C-alpha atoms as a PDB file:
ATOM      1  CA  MET A   1       8.211  -9.177  22.401  1.00  0.00           C
ATOM      2  CA  ARG A   2       9.318 -12.867  22.558  1.00  0.00           C
ATOM      3  CA  ALA A   3      11.360 -13.074  19.762  1.00  0.00           C
ATOM      4  CA  PHE A   4      13.825 -10.170  20.328  1.00  0.00           C
ATOM      5  CA  ARG A   5      13.724 -11.480  24.143  1.00  0.00           C
ATOM      6  CA  GLU A   6      14.827 -14.442  23.167  1.00  0.00           C
ATOM      7  CA  LYS A   7      17.447 -13.320  20.374  1.00  0.00           C
ATOM      8  CA  HIS A   8      18.844 -10.891  22.978  1.00  0.00           C
ATOM      9  CA  PRO A   9      18.853 -12.304  26.247  1.00  0.00           C
ATOM     10  CA  GLU A  10      20.660  -9.691  27.894  1.00  0.00           C
ATOM     11  CA  GLN A  11      18.588  -6.748  26.985  1.00  0.00           C
ATOM     12  CA  SER A  12      16.203  -5.913  29.948  1.00  0.00           C
ATOM     13  CA  GLU A  13      12.115  -6.513  29.575  1.00  0.00           C
ATOM     14  CA  LEU A  14      12.066  -2.989  28.851  1.00  0.00           C
ATOM     15  CA  THR A  15      14.775  -2.267  26.053  1.00  0.00           C
ATOM     16  CA  ALA A  16      12.548  -4.828  24.233  1.00  0.00           C
ATOM     17  CA  ALA A  17       9.413  -3.198  24.852  1.00  0.00           C
ATOM     18  CA  VAL A  18      11.006   0.304  23.165  1.00  0.00           C
ATOM     19  CA  ILE A  19      12.201  -1.803  19.910  1.00  0.00           C
ATOM     20  CA  VAL A  20       9.407  -3.483  19.643  1.00  0.00           C
ATOM     21  CA  ALA A  21       7.270  -0.322  19.916  1.00  0.00           C
ATOM     22  CA  LEU A  22       9.710   1.830  17.944  1.00  0.00           C
ATOM     23  CA  SER A  23       9.502  -1.794  15.395  1.00  0.00           C
ATOM     24  CA  LEU A  24       5.458  -1.654  15.391  1.00  0.00           C
ATOM     25  CA  ALA A  25       5.669   2.491  14.740  1.00  0.00           C
ATOM     26  CA  GLU A  26       7.702   2.171  11.739  1.00  0.00           C
ATOM     27  CA  ALA A  27       5.505  -0.575  10.462  1.00  0.00           C
ATOM     28  CA  LEU A  28       2.332   1.525  10.982  1.00  0.00           C
ATOM     29  CA  HIS A  29       4.051   4.391   9.411  1.00  0.00           C
ATOM     30  CA  GLU A  30       4.841   2.440   6.650  1.00  0.00           C
ATOM     31  CA  ALA A  31       1.215   1.346   5.768  1.00  0.00           C
ATOM     32  CA  GLN A  32      -0.053   4.794   6.654  1.00  0.00           C
ATOM     33  CA  LYS A  33       2.493   5.671   3.954  1.00  0.00           C
ATOM     34  CA  ALA A  34       1.600   3.049   0.969  1.00  0.00           C
ATOM     35  CA  LEU A  35      -2.199   3.715   1.888  1.00  0.00           C
ATOM     36  CA  GLN A  36      -1.495   7.385   0.849  1.00  0.00           C
ATOM     37  CA  GLU A  37       0.001   6.259  -2.101  1.00  0.00           C
ATOM     38  CA  LEU A  38      -2.946   4.003  -3.132  1.00  0.00           C
ATOM     39  CA  ASP A  39      -5.464   6.431  -2.412  1.00  0.00           C
ATOM     40  CA  GLU A  40      -3.407   8.941  -4.499  1.00  0.00           C
ATOM     41  CA  THR A  41      -3.363   6.697  -7.348  1.00  0.00           C
ATOM     42  CA  LEU A  42      -7.238   5.777  -7.252  1.00  0.00           C
ATOM     43  CA  TYR A  43      -7.769   9.654  -7.058  1.00  0.00           C
ATOM     44  CA  GLU A  44      -6.063  10.145 -10.431  1.00  0.00           C
ATOM     45  CA  THR A  45      -8.111   6.633 -11.739  1.00  0.00           C
ATOM     46  CA  ILE A  46     -10.901   8.531 -10.844  1.00  0.00           C
ATOM     47  CA  GLN A  47     -10.575  11.533 -12.308  1.00  0.00           C
ATOM     48  CA  GLU A  48      -9.170   9.860 -15.959  1.00  0.00           C
ATOM     49  CA  LEU A  49     -12.239   7.930 -15.909  1.00  0.00           C
ATOM     50  CA  LEU A  50     -14.491  10.797 -15.070  1.00  0.00           C
ATOM     51  CA  GLU A  51     -12.671  12.934 -17.720  1.00  0.00           C
ATOM     52  CA  LEU A  52     -13.297  10.048 -20.437  1.00  0.00           C
ATOM     53  CA  LEU A  53     -17.047   9.541 -19.063  1.00  0.00           C
ATOM     54  CA  GLU A  54     -17.635  13.631 -19.681  1.00  0.00           C
ATOM     55  CA  HIS A  55     -15.461  13.495 -22.914  1.00  0.00           C
ATOM     56  CA  PRO A  56     -15.421  10.363 -24.922  1.00  0.00           C
ATOM     57  CA  GLU A  57     -14.832  11.721 -28.019  1.00  0.00           C
ATOM     58  CA  SER A  58     -11.302  12.863 -26.813  1.00  0.00           C
ATOM     59  CA  SER A  59     -10.254   9.307 -26.088  1.00  0.00           C
ATOM     60  CA  ALA A  60      -8.562   6.937 -27.490  1.00  0.00           C
ATOM     61  CA  THR A  61      -9.335   3.621 -28.645  1.00  0.00           C
ATOM     62  CA  LEU A  62     -10.071   0.833 -25.878  1.00  0.00           C
ATOM     63  CA  PRO A  63      -7.478  -2.344 -26.599  1.00  0.00           C
ATOM     64  CA  GLU A  64      -8.945  -5.214 -27.312  1.00  0.00           C
ATOM     65  CA  GLN A  65     -10.302  -7.680 -24.676  1.00  0.00           C
ATOM     66  CA  PRO A  66      -8.413 -10.931 -24.910  1.00  0.00           C
ATOM     67  CA  ALA A  67     -10.116 -13.886 -26.363  1.00  0.00           C
ATOM     68  CA  SER A  68     -12.328 -15.969 -23.541  1.00  0.00           C
ATOM     69  CA  ASP A  69     -10.071 -18.987 -24.503  1.00  0.00           C
ATOM     70  CA  ALA A  70      -6.557 -17.374 -24.028  1.00  0.00           C
ATOM     71  CA  ILE A  71      -7.161 -17.711 -20.116  1.00  0.00           C
END
């Protein structure tokens, strides 16, 4: 709020508080959306792994691991 007030000294304290509250609400919404997307990706990955465990014969060959000296 201090940073907003420094950039916009002509605005009232109430206006600054409302702007900061809206900014925080937007950041929270974006974080929740990103978390939901990660959750969905994790769920899909777990489902794929379970499918591989249940039916290993239908899975393609796994890629080779890089040599330990390649790192």
